[in-house]
Protein backbone atom coordinates (compact mmCIF):
# COMPACT_ATOMS: atom_id res chain seq x y z
CA MET A 1 -20.95 27.29 20.34
CA SER A 2 -23.90 25.26 21.65
CA SER A 3 -23.95 21.45 21.64
CA GLN A 4 -26.73 21.52 19.03
CA ALA A 5 -24.63 23.69 16.74
CA ILE A 6 -21.65 21.38 17.18
CA ARG A 7 -23.76 18.32 16.28
CA THR A 8 -25.13 20.13 13.24
CA ALA A 9 -21.61 21.03 12.06
CA GLN A 10 -20.45 17.43 12.50
CA LEU A 11 -23.46 16.16 10.55
CA GLN A 12 -22.73 18.57 7.72
CA GLN A 13 -19.12 17.39 7.68
CA ILE A 14 -20.13 13.74 7.40
CA LYS A 15 -22.57 14.55 4.59
CA ALA A 16 -19.84 16.17 2.53
CA PRO A 17 -21.04 16.79 -1.04
CA LEU A 18 -19.16 15.10 -3.87
CA ILE A 19 -18.35 18.37 -5.59
CA PRO A 20 -15.68 18.29 -8.33
CA SER A 21 -13.71 21.21 -6.88
CA ALA A 22 -13.08 19.25 -3.68
CA LEU A 23 -11.76 16.15 -5.45
CA ASP A 24 -8.05 16.07 -6.18
CA GLY A 25 -7.91 15.49 -9.91
CA GLN A 26 -4.28 14.37 -9.85
CA ILE A 27 -4.88 11.56 -7.35
CA VAL A 28 -7.99 10.44 -9.23
CA LEU A 29 -6.06 10.42 -12.51
CA ILE A 30 -3.14 8.50 -11.01
CA PHE A 31 -5.50 5.94 -9.48
CA GLY A 32 -7.26 5.55 -12.80
CA LEU A 33 -4.02 5.13 -14.76
CA LEU A 34 -2.49 2.57 -12.39
CA THR A 35 -5.64 0.47 -12.06
CA LEU A 36 -6.20 0.54 -15.83
CA ILE A 37 -2.63 -0.60 -16.43
CA GLY A 38 -3.16 -3.30 -13.84
CA LEU A 39 -6.40 -4.54 -15.40
CA ILE A 40 -4.85 -4.71 -18.87
CA MET A 41 -1.66 -6.40 -17.66
CA VAL A 42 -3.38 -8.94 -15.41
CA THR A 43 -5.55 -9.97 -18.36
CA SER A 44 -2.58 -10.10 -20.72
CA ALA A 45 -0.27 -11.98 -18.33
CA SER A 46 -2.84 -14.58 -17.28
CA ILE A 47 -4.66 -15.23 -20.53
CA GLY A 48 -2.68 -18.34 -21.48
CA VAL A 49 -2.66 -19.91 -18.01
CA ALA A 50 -6.34 -19.16 -17.44
CA ASP A 51 -7.28 -20.69 -20.78
CA ALA A 52 -5.27 -23.86 -20.15
CA GLN A 53 -6.26 -24.38 -16.54
CA LEU A 54 -9.77 -22.92 -16.32
CA ASN A 55 -11.00 -22.89 -19.94
CA ASP A 56 -11.63 -19.16 -19.57
CA PRO A 57 -8.84 -16.90 -20.90
CA PHE A 58 -10.35 -13.85 -19.19
CA TYR A 59 -10.95 -15.51 -15.79
CA TYR A 60 -8.38 -13.45 -13.87
CA GLY A 61 -9.14 -10.30 -15.85
CA LYS A 62 -12.83 -10.49 -14.96
CA ARG A 63 -12.04 -11.06 -11.29
CA GLN A 64 -9.65 -8.12 -11.33
CA PHE A 65 -12.36 -5.93 -12.86
CA LEU A 66 -14.82 -6.97 -10.14
CA ARG A 67 -12.32 -6.14 -7.44
CA LEU A 68 -11.63 -2.76 -9.01
CA THR A 69 -15.38 -2.07 -8.98
CA LEU A 70 -15.46 -2.83 -5.26
CA GLY A 71 -12.31 -0.74 -4.91
CA VAL A 72 -14.06 2.30 -6.38
CA LEU A 73 -16.78 1.84 -3.75
CA LEU A 74 -14.12 1.79 -1.02
CA VAL A 75 -12.56 4.95 -2.47
CA TRP A 76 -15.97 6.62 -2.10
CA ILE A 77 -16.35 5.35 1.49
CA GLY A 78 -12.87 6.54 2.44
CA TYR A 79 -13.64 9.93 0.90
CA ARG A 80 -16.93 10.35 2.75
CA VAL A 81 -15.77 9.54 6.29
CA PRO A 82 -14.22 12.49 8.18
CA THR A 83 -10.62 12.03 9.28
CA THR A 84 -11.66 12.70 12.90
CA VAL A 85 -13.33 9.27 12.89
CA TRP A 86 -10.02 7.59 12.10
CA LYS A 87 -8.11 9.88 14.45
CA ASN A 88 -10.35 8.84 17.36
CA SER A 89 -10.21 5.15 16.38
CA GLY A 90 -6.44 4.80 16.11
CA MET A 91 -5.91 2.78 19.30
CA LEU A 92 -8.81 0.46 18.48
CA LEU A 93 -7.53 -0.12 14.95
CA MET A 94 -4.05 -0.85 16.31
CA LEU A 95 -5.45 -3.47 18.70
CA CYS A 96 -7.53 -4.97 15.88
CA SER A 97 -4.40 -5.22 13.73
CA ILE A 98 -2.45 -7.08 16.42
CA LEU A 99 -5.44 -9.32 17.12
CA LEU A 100 -5.91 -10.23 13.44
CA LEU A 101 -2.21 -10.97 13.03
CA ALA A 102 -2.37 -13.26 16.07
CA VAL A 103 -5.64 -14.99 15.14
CA VAL A 104 -4.39 -15.97 11.69
CA LEU A 105 -1.59 -17.97 13.36
CA ILE A 106 -4.01 -20.14 15.36
CA PRO A 107 -3.91 -23.69 13.93
CA GLY A 108 -7.08 -24.45 12.00
CA VAL A 109 -8.09 -20.78 11.75
CA GLY A 110 -5.59 -19.31 9.33
CA ARG A 111 -5.38 -20.58 5.77
CA THR A 112 -2.00 -21.83 4.56
CA VAL A 113 -0.93 -21.37 0.94
CA ASN A 114 2.55 -22.26 -0.34
CA GLY A 115 3.84 -22.67 3.20
CA SER A 116 2.61 -19.27 4.45
CA THR A 117 -0.34 -18.74 6.80
CA ARG A 118 -1.57 -15.25 5.91
CA TRP A 119 -5.27 -15.56 5.17
CA LEU A 120 -8.57 -15.83 7.04
CA ASP A 121 -11.52 -17.52 5.35
CA LEU A 122 -14.73 -15.56 5.97
CA PHE A 123 -17.47 -17.54 4.24
CA PHE A 124 -17.62 -15.94 0.76
CA PHE A 125 -14.22 -14.24 0.71
CA THR A 126 -10.69 -14.47 2.09
CA ILE A 127 -8.79 -11.63 3.73
CA GLN A 128 -5.04 -11.21 3.96
CA VAL A 129 -4.63 -9.70 7.39
CA SER A 130 -1.23 -8.15 6.67
CA GLU A 131 -2.79 -5.77 4.11
CA ILE A 132 -5.35 -4.54 6.63
CA ALA A 133 -2.78 -4.34 9.43
CA LYS A 134 -0.43 -2.12 7.42
CA LEU A 135 -3.09 0.53 6.81
CA PHE A 136 -4.57 0.35 10.33
CA LEU A 137 -1.13 0.78 11.89
CA ILE A 138 -0.48 3.82 9.69
CA ILE A 139 -3.71 5.35 11.00
CA TYR A 140 -2.66 4.57 14.58
CA LEU A 141 0.80 6.06 14.07
CA SER A 142 -0.69 9.23 12.54
CA GLY A 143 -2.71 9.78 15.69
CA TYR A 144 0.21 8.94 17.97
CA LEU A 145 2.42 11.57 16.32
CA ILE A 146 -0.17 14.18 17.30
CA ARG A 147 -0.89 12.98 20.84
CA ARG A 148 2.80 12.54 21.71
CA CYS A 149 4.29 15.23 19.52
CA ASP A 150 6.47 16.81 22.21
CA GLU A 151 7.56 13.43 23.55
CA VAL A 152 8.52 12.22 20.06
CA GLN A 153 10.61 15.30 19.32
CA SER A 154 12.31 15.60 22.70
CA GLY A 155 12.68 12.15 24.30
CA ILE A 156 13.66 8.69 23.18
CA MET A 157 10.63 6.97 24.74
CA GLY A 158 8.30 8.87 22.43
CA PHE A 159 10.12 7.17 19.56
CA VAL A 160 10.50 3.74 21.15
CA LYS A 161 6.86 3.19 22.20
CA PRO A 162 5.25 3.13 18.71
CA MET A 163 8.20 1.22 17.30
CA LEU A 164 7.62 -1.48 19.92
CA VAL A 165 4.05 -1.77 18.62
CA LEU A 166 5.35 -2.09 15.07
CA ALA A 167 7.95 -4.59 16.29
CA VAL A 168 5.21 -6.80 17.79
CA ALA A 169 3.23 -6.61 14.54
CA SER A 170 6.36 -7.38 12.52
CA ALA A 171 7.17 -10.36 14.73
CA LEU A 172 3.69 -11.77 14.10
CA LEU A 173 4.17 -11.20 10.38
CA LEU A 174 7.48 -13.07 10.47
CA MET A 175 5.73 -16.01 12.11
CA GLU A 176 3.32 -16.35 9.14
CA PRO A 177 5.98 -15.99 7.56
CA ASP A 178 5.76 -12.70 5.64
CA PHE A 179 9.15 -11.03 5.68
CA GLY A 180 8.21 -8.59 2.92
CA ALA A 181 5.17 -7.16 4.73
CA ALA A 182 7.21 -6.84 7.94
CA ALA A 183 9.91 -4.90 6.09
CA VAL A 184 7.38 -2.57 4.44
CA LEU A 185 5.63 -1.94 7.76
CA LEU A 186 8.84 -1.11 9.63
CA MET A 187 10.20 1.09 6.84
CA THR A 188 6.92 3.00 6.57
CA GLY A 189 6.80 3.46 10.34
CA LEU A 190 10.38 4.72 10.43
CA GLY A 191 9.64 7.16 7.62
CA MET A 192 6.59 8.53 9.43
CA MET A 193 8.55 8.93 12.67
CA PHE A 194 11.25 10.83 10.80
CA LEU A 195 8.65 13.17 9.31
CA GLY A 196 7.14 13.53 12.78
CA GLY A 197 10.34 15.22 13.99
CA VAL A 198 12.21 12.48 15.87
CA ARG A 199 15.81 13.30 16.71
CA PHE A 200 18.12 12.39 13.85
CA GLY A 201 20.65 10.58 16.03
CA GLN A 202 17.97 8.39 17.60
CA PHE A 203 16.49 7.73 14.19
CA ILE A 204 19.80 6.59 12.69
CA LEU A 205 20.54 4.40 15.71
CA PHE A 206 17.16 2.71 15.47
CA VAL A 207 17.49 2.24 11.70
CA ILE A 208 20.85 0.51 12.17
CA GLY A 209 19.39 -1.66 14.93
CA THR A 210 16.35 -2.58 12.84
CA LEU A 211 18.45 -3.47 9.81
CA SER A 212 20.72 -5.58 11.97
CA ILE A 213 17.79 -7.52 13.42
CA MET A 214 16.29 -8.04 9.96
CA VAL A 215 19.61 -9.38 8.67
CA VAL A 216 19.86 -11.79 11.60
CA VAL A 217 16.27 -12.96 11.08
CA ALA A 218 16.88 -13.48 7.37
CA VAL A 219 20.10 -15.42 7.88
CA ALA A 220 18.71 -17.53 10.75
CA SER A 221 15.88 -18.97 8.64
CA PRO A 222 16.87 -21.71 6.17
CA TYR A 223 14.21 -20.81 3.59
CA ARG A 224 15.03 -17.10 3.76
CA MET A 225 18.73 -17.91 3.46
CA ALA A 226 17.95 -19.98 0.39
CA ARG A 227 16.11 -17.03 -1.14
CA ILE A 228 19.06 -14.74 -0.44
CA THR A 229 21.47 -17.23 -1.96
CA SER A 230 19.36 -17.63 -5.10
CA PHE A 231 19.01 -13.84 -5.32
CA LEU A 232 22.78 -13.33 -5.20
CA ASP A 233 23.39 -15.81 -8.00
CA PRO A 234 20.13 -17.05 -9.58
CA TRP A 235 22.03 -18.54 -12.55
CA ALA A 236 23.81 -21.00 -10.24
CA ASP A 237 20.59 -23.03 -10.09
CA PRO A 238 18.39 -21.66 -12.89
CA PHE A 239 16.00 -24.62 -12.94
CA ASN A 240 15.30 -24.81 -9.20
CA SER A 241 15.83 -22.10 -6.56
CA GLY A 242 16.72 -19.45 -9.14
CA PHE A 243 14.08 -20.38 -11.70
CA GLN A 244 11.55 -17.60 -11.06
CA LEU A 245 14.14 -14.84 -10.89
CA THR A 246 16.00 -16.00 -14.01
CA GLN A 247 12.74 -16.14 -15.96
CA SER A 248 11.88 -12.65 -14.70
CA LEU A 249 15.27 -11.31 -15.81
CA ILE A 250 14.83 -12.93 -19.23
CA ALA A 251 11.44 -11.22 -19.57
CA ILE A 252 12.79 -7.79 -18.61
CA GLY A 253 15.83 -8.17 -20.85
CA SER A 254 13.66 -9.24 -23.78
CA GLY A 255 11.66 -6.03 -23.58
CA GLY A 256 14.41 -3.84 -24.95
CA LEU A 257 13.60 -0.17 -25.48
CA PHE A 258 9.97 -0.34 -26.62
CA GLY A 259 8.96 -3.91 -25.71
CA SER A 260 7.27 -6.63 -27.71
CA GLY A 261 3.86 -4.94 -27.57
CA LEU A 262 0.73 -5.72 -25.59
CA GLY A 263 0.15 -9.47 -25.62
CA GLY A 264 3.57 -10.18 -27.13
CA SER A 265 5.23 -11.61 -24.02
CA ILE A 266 6.81 -15.06 -24.33
CA GLN A 267 7.68 -15.55 -20.65
CA LYS A 268 4.02 -15.47 -19.58
CA LEU A 269 3.43 -18.64 -21.60
CA PHE A 270 4.13 -21.07 -18.74
CA TYR A 271 7.75 -19.94 -18.25
CA LEU A 272 7.39 -17.37 -15.47
CA PRO A 273 5.29 -18.86 -12.62
CA GLU A 274 2.35 -16.78 -11.34
CA ALA A 275 3.19 -14.02 -13.82
CA HIS A 276 -0.01 -12.07 -13.08
CA THR A 277 0.75 -11.65 -9.35
CA ASP A 278 4.07 -10.67 -7.76
CA PHE A 279 6.07 -10.80 -11.02
CA LEU A 280 3.63 -8.88 -13.19
CA PHE A 281 6.17 -6.07 -13.54
CA ALA A 282 8.47 -8.41 -15.50
CA ILE A 283 5.74 -9.12 -18.06
CA TYR A 284 4.94 -5.40 -18.25
CA ALA A 285 8.63 -4.66 -18.92
CA GLU A 286 8.74 -7.35 -21.61
CA GLU A 287 5.69 -5.96 -23.41
CA PHE A 288 6.35 -2.23 -23.01
CA GLY A 289 10.12 -2.06 -22.68
CA LEU A 290 12.28 0.55 -20.98
CA VAL A 291 10.01 3.39 -22.11
CA GLY A 292 6.98 1.78 -20.47
CA VAL A 293 8.94 1.04 -17.29
CA ALA A 294 10.12 4.65 -17.07
CA LEU A 295 6.54 5.86 -17.53
CA LEU A 296 5.25 3.56 -14.77
CA ILE A 297 7.94 4.68 -12.34
CA MET A 298 7.12 8.31 -13.14
CA ILE A 299 3.44 7.68 -12.29
CA TYR A 300 4.41 6.22 -8.91
CA ALA A 301 6.76 9.15 -8.27
CA TRP A 302 3.95 11.54 -9.22
CA PHE A 303 1.67 9.84 -6.69
CA VAL A 304 4.20 10.14 -3.87
CA LEU A 305 4.96 13.78 -4.72
CA ARG A 306 1.26 14.64 -4.77
CA CYS A 307 0.71 12.90 -1.42
CA PHE A 308 3.49 14.95 0.13
CA GLN A 309 2.04 18.14 -1.35
CA ILE A 310 -1.37 17.35 0.17
CA GLY A 311 0.30 16.53 3.48
CA LYS A 312 2.23 19.81 3.48
CA THR A 313 -1.00 21.73 2.83
CA ALA A 314 -2.69 19.88 5.69
CA LEU A 315 0.10 20.92 8.06
CA GLN A 316 -0.24 24.53 6.94
CA LYS A 317 -3.97 24.38 7.70
CA GLN A 318 -3.32 22.96 11.18
CA LYS A 319 -4.49 19.44 10.28
CA PRO A 320 -1.51 17.33 11.36
CA PHE A 321 -3.40 14.02 11.52
CA GLY A 322 -4.40 14.30 7.87
CA ALA A 323 -0.84 15.25 6.96
CA TYR A 324 0.74 12.23 8.65
CA LEU A 325 -1.97 9.95 7.27
CA VAL A 326 -1.25 11.05 3.69
CA TYR A 327 2.50 10.83 4.29
CA GLY A 328 2.01 7.27 5.53
CA VAL A 329 -0.02 6.24 2.48
CA GLY A 330 2.56 7.78 0.15
CA LEU A 331 5.40 5.98 1.93
CA LEU A 332 3.51 2.67 1.96
CA VAL A 333 2.81 2.73 -1.78
CA SER A 334 6.29 3.92 -2.76
CA ILE A 335 8.19 1.49 -0.54
CA GLN A 336 6.11 -1.48 -1.66
CA ALA A 337 6.48 -0.48 -5.33
CA VAL A 338 10.25 -0.09 -4.99
CA ILE A 339 10.59 -3.49 -3.31
CA ASN A 340 8.39 -5.24 -5.88
CA ILE A 341 10.27 -3.71 -8.82
CA GLY A 342 13.59 -4.45 -7.12
CA VAL A 343 12.62 -8.10 -6.66
CA ASN A 344 11.55 -8.44 -10.29
CA MET A 345 14.86 -6.96 -11.44
CA GLY A 346 16.98 -9.10 -9.13
CA ALA A 347 18.09 -6.15 -7.00
CA LEU A 348 16.36 -7.49 -3.86
CA PRO A 349 15.64 -10.98 -2.50
CA THR A 350 12.32 -12.51 -3.54
CA LYS A 351 9.37 -11.47 -1.35
CA GLY A 352 5.64 -11.98 -1.69
CA LEU A 353 4.68 -8.36 -2.27
CA THR A 354 2.30 -7.09 -4.92
CA LEU A 355 2.87 -4.09 -7.16
CA PRO A 356 0.37 -1.54 -5.75
CA PHE A 357 -2.81 -1.07 -7.82
CA ILE A 358 -1.46 -3.33 -10.60
CA SER A 359 -0.77 -6.90 -9.48
CA TYR A 360 -3.58 -9.45 -9.24
CA GLY A 361 -4.75 -9.70 -5.65
CA GLY A 362 -8.07 -8.69 -4.19
CA ASN A 363 -6.94 -7.68 -0.71
CA SER A 364 -4.18 -5.43 -1.99
CA ILE A 365 -6.46 -3.72 -4.52
CA LEU A 366 -9.23 -3.13 -1.98
CA ILE A 367 -7.00 -1.81 0.80
CA MET A 368 -5.01 0.43 -1.53
CA SER A 369 -8.26 1.76 -2.99
CA PHE A 370 -9.49 2.62 0.49
CA ALA A 371 -6.17 4.37 1.14
CA ILE A 372 -6.80 6.49 -1.97
CA GLY A 373 -10.15 7.47 -0.46
CA LEU A 374 -8.35 8.62 2.71
CA VAL A 375 -5.97 10.76 0.65
CA LEU A 376 -8.91 12.32 -1.21
CA ARG A 377 -10.64 13.00 2.11
CA VAL A 378 -7.61 14.84 3.49
CA HIS A 379 -7.48 16.96 0.35
CA TYR A 380 -11.22 17.63 0.64
CA GLU A 381 -10.82 18.87 4.21
CA ASN A 382 -7.90 21.05 3.11
CA VAL A 383 -10.01 22.67 0.39
CA MET A 384 -13.08 23.05 2.61
CA ALA A 385 -11.13 24.51 5.54
CA ASP A 386 -11.73 28.08 4.39
CA ASP A 387 -14.78 27.57 2.18
CA PRO A 388 -17.76 27.16 4.59
CA PRO A 389 -17.62 30.79 5.79
CA LYS A 390 -17.47 31.95 2.16
CA ARG A 391 -20.47 29.80 1.22
CA ARG A 392 -22.44 31.09 4.21
CA ARG A 393 -21.69 34.68 3.24
CA ARG A 394 -22.85 34.01 -0.34
CA LYS A 395 -26.07 32.41 0.90
CA THR A 396 -26.70 35.33 3.25
CA ALA A 397 -26.16 37.78 0.40
CA GLN A 398 -28.75 35.97 -1.72
CA VAL A 399 -31.52 36.17 0.91
CA PRO A 400 -34.02 38.87 -0.22
CA SER A 401 -34.54 41.77 2.15
């Protein structure tokens, strides 16, 4: 094939038409359901606080809607860009992730909120670098699993090298401090390495080592130790260290089977702090009960299952980068959702992690929306893998003799 023909093919790939048959309807539906639930719940959970503090009961709801609008734009961008662009940019994105995580720690550069330095102020908006770093490192790891496939499956160094990169990123996250993001990043990376074919014995050994280090880090820090203590027995100090968790448990327990109905939550009325952010699940459980909780968990499980189906198809069509990328997104969303729900229910120590697509938080919504676009792009390339020759044959058949 001539260089001109190659450039023409690449141009046609970039200008991929937004045809309905190439969009994965299940992913679009799941994204729509989760973001709609999030918009409704953010508005419901924040209406009292926003009215009292800002004289605008729909302040947070309107901001969430604006971010979802921008999120839809990012879905479209992620869908339009070929996966080869991300495959070739993996190393650069990895370096950018490490750089951003380091820059935010520079005194006077990073913005500190509630004792954590996780944000960069960029004129009109603020970015939480950990959200960007998680997705960029997934892209990097997807490319690494292709470049070093034999090394990953046969030798220990192929497994250790990317985990050292993730360890550096996690160490920077712990310095912010952001223990939750570090845990999600390491768990997602380990899951991707396992799917990439790493030896089971090496995998188990590294998992044990990682868990041991995380336990030591958690115990060595006074504030993390306090969180663990309050998590183990929040009722020992229900008006201080255990206040947020006890209020969350009260909300979930009050929901019963069918909940109090939309808007019927009591705990959101100045009892549960920041109810529209990390503890939004508790308000959702109070208003929609066990039935609503089961439905939400089923939607997340549906998303993960669909991601793995798309990834399996990508592997069958000899598109391993797309497969690992979709696997990574599925693992990221599922792990973060499990941790957030576990924290709300008192099954895990308190961490500052949002419930994907639902909790109030612009950076999380935007990055997760872009990740949806990447999943849709992988599905598009799966569908189009065999279609161009068919379309060319149909066009040739229509040319009059």
